[in-house]
Each structure stands twice: as structure tokens, then as C-alpha cells.
């Protein structure tokens, strides 16, 4: 498995985690629990954005990784 495919697999996993956190937050009744899940989802979302940017840099700098 190439570096690019591993990074993209990680990104897909993180998107799944973000979705799960969002779904759990919607089902929570307790305001503290809901806020904790929403805060966690936001942090994961920020990490997703950073990782997406890194993938773009990886593809631009290392043409052999483009499109994987």
C-alpha cells in the first residue's frame, strides 16, 4: 500500500468517525454529553480539513501519488 493510499484510507476512517459522533450527538438528551460529542466532532472535522490539505500537497509534490 502506498503512502497516499494509506493517508486516504485514514481520511475515510476519520470521516466515518465524524459521522458517528454527529449521529450520537443527535441522539443525546443530556446537554453535557451532547456538547462533548459536538466538540469532539468539530475537532475531528478540523483534523479532516488539515489531512485533506496534506493530501493535496502530497499529490502536487509527489505526482506518482496523484489519483490514488
C-alpha atoms as a PDB file:
ATOM      1  CA  UNK A   1       0.000   0.000   0.000  1.00  0.00           C
ATOM      2  CA  UNK A   2       1.386   3.390  -0.969  1.00  0.00           C
ATOM      3  CA  UNK A   3       1.700   6.323   1.393  1.00  0.00           C
ATOM      4  CA  UNK A   4      -1.055   8.176  -0.458  1.00  0.00           C
ATOM      5  CA  UNK A   5      -3.485   5.275  -0.236  1.00  0.00           C
ATOM      6  CA  UNK A   6      -2.778   4.855   3.482  1.00  0.00           C
ATOM      7  CA  UNK A   7      -3.367   8.560   4.105  1.00  0.00           C
ATOM      8  CA  UNK A   8      -6.579   8.483   2.092  1.00  0.00           C
ATOM      9  CA  UNK A   9      -7.740   5.393   3.985  1.00  0.00           C
ATOM     10  CA  UNK A  10      -7.066   7.269   7.215  1.00  0.00           C
ATOM     11  CA  UNK A  11      -9.110  10.206   5.898  1.00  0.00           C
ATOM     12  CA  UNK A  12     -12.035   7.915   5.074  1.00  0.00           C
ATOM     13  CA  UNK A  13     -11.891   6.426   8.576  1.00  0.00           C
ATOM     14  CA  UNK A  14     -11.864   9.884  10.128  1.00  0.00           C
ATOM     15  CA  UNK A  15     -14.912  10.890   8.082  1.00  0.00           C
ATOM     16  CA  UNK A  16     -16.699   7.812   9.424  1.00  0.00           C
ATOM     17  CA  UNK A  17     -15.773   8.787  12.977  1.00  0.00           C
ATOM     18  CA  UNK A  18     -17.028  12.319  12.369  1.00  0.00           C
ATOM     19  CA  UNK A  19     -20.329  10.954  11.091  1.00  0.00           C
ATOM     20  CA  UNK A  20     -20.697   8.621  14.076  1.00  0.00           C
ATOM     21  CA  UNK A  21     -20.022  11.446  16.530  1.00  0.00           C
ATOM     22  CA  UNK A  22     -22.601  13.609  14.793  1.00  0.00           C
ATOM     23  CA  UNK A  23     -25.209  10.843  14.895  1.00  0.00           C
ATOM     24  CA  UNK A  24     -24.535  10.159  18.574  1.00  0.00           C
ATOM     25  CA  UNK A  25     -24.815  13.860  19.403  1.00  0.00           C
ATOM     26  CA  UNK A  26     -28.243  13.961  17.774  1.00  0.00           C
ATOM     27  CA  UNK A  27     -29.464  11.105  19.956  1.00  0.00           C
ATOM     28  CA  UNK A  28     -28.164  12.521  23.244  1.00  0.00           C
ATOM     29  CA  UNK A  29     -30.628  14.043  25.673  1.00  0.00           C
ATOM     30  CA  UNK A  30     -28.085  15.147  28.269  1.00  0.00           C
ATOM     31  CA  UNK A  31     -26.774  18.607  27.266  1.00  0.00           C
ATOM     32  CA  UNK A  32     -23.262  17.948  28.614  1.00  0.00           C
ATOM     33  CA  UNK A  33     -22.930  14.707  26.680  1.00  0.00           C
ATOM     34  CA  UNK A  34     -24.325  16.334  23.553  1.00  0.00           C
ATOM     35  CA  UNK A  35     -21.839  19.220  23.812  1.00  0.00           C
ATOM     36  CA  UNK A  36     -18.913  16.859  24.420  1.00  0.00           C
ATOM     37  CA  UNK A  37     -19.805  14.873  21.298  1.00  0.00           C
ATOM     38  CA  UNK A  38     -20.295  18.027  19.224  1.00  0.00           C
ATOM     39  CA  UNK A  39     -16.943  19.403  20.417  1.00  0.00           C
ATOM     40  CA  UNK A  40     -15.253  16.111  19.539  1.00  0.00           C
ATOM     41  CA  UNK A  41     -16.903  16.098  16.116  1.00  0.00           C
ATOM     42  CA  UNK A  42     -15.620  19.608  15.495  1.00  0.00           C
ATOM     43  CA  UNK A  43     -12.056  18.626  16.421  1.00  0.00           C
ATOM     44  CA  UNK A  44     -12.216  15.613  14.124  1.00  0.00           C
ATOM     45  CA  UNK A  45     -13.620  17.859  11.382  1.00  0.00           C
ATOM     46  CA  UNK A  46     -10.662  20.209  11.755  1.00  0.00           C
ATOM     47  CA  UNK A  47      -8.264  17.280  11.533  1.00  0.00           C
ATOM     48  CA  UNK A  48     -10.080  16.109   8.393  1.00  0.00           C
ATOM     49  CA  UNK A  49      -9.578  19.516   6.776  1.00  0.00           C
ATOM     50  CA  UNK A  50      -5.878  19.509   7.637  1.00  0.00           C
ATOM     51  CA  UNK A  51      -5.428  15.979   6.345  1.00  0.00           C
ATOM     52  CA  UNK A  52      -7.279  16.841   3.129  1.00  0.00           C
ATOM     53  CA  UNK A  53      -4.908  19.754   2.607  1.00  0.00           C
ATOM     54  CA  UNK A  54      -1.922  17.471   3.208  1.00  0.00           C
ATOM     55  CA  UNK A  55      -3.270  15.021   0.627  1.00  0.00           C
ATOM     56  CA  UNK A  56      -3.428  17.872  -1.885  1.00  0.00           C
ATOM     57  CA  UNK A  57       0.171  18.819  -1.113  1.00  0.00           C
ATOM     58  CA  UNK A  58       1.222  15.176  -1.348  1.00  0.00           C
ATOM     59  CA  UNK A  59      -0.408  14.831  -4.754  1.00  0.00           C
ATOM     60  CA  UNK A  60       1.113  18.082  -6.057  1.00  0.00           C
ATOM     61  CA  UNK A  61       4.618  17.348  -4.788  1.00  0.00           C
ATOM     62  CA  UNK A  62       4.647  13.640  -5.491  1.00  0.00           C
ATOM     63  CA  UNK A  63       2.974  13.156  -8.852  1.00  0.00           C
ATOM     64  CA  UNK A  64       3.142   9.376  -8.569  1.00  0.00           C
ATOM     65  CA  UNK A  65       0.555   9.604  -5.743  1.00  0.00           C
ATOM     66  CA  UNK A  66      -1.981  11.589  -7.758  1.00  0.00           C
ATOM     67  CA  UNK A  67      -5.312   9.856  -8.099  1.00  0.00           C
ATOM     68  CA  UNK A  68      -4.675   7.002  -5.659  1.00  0.00           C
END
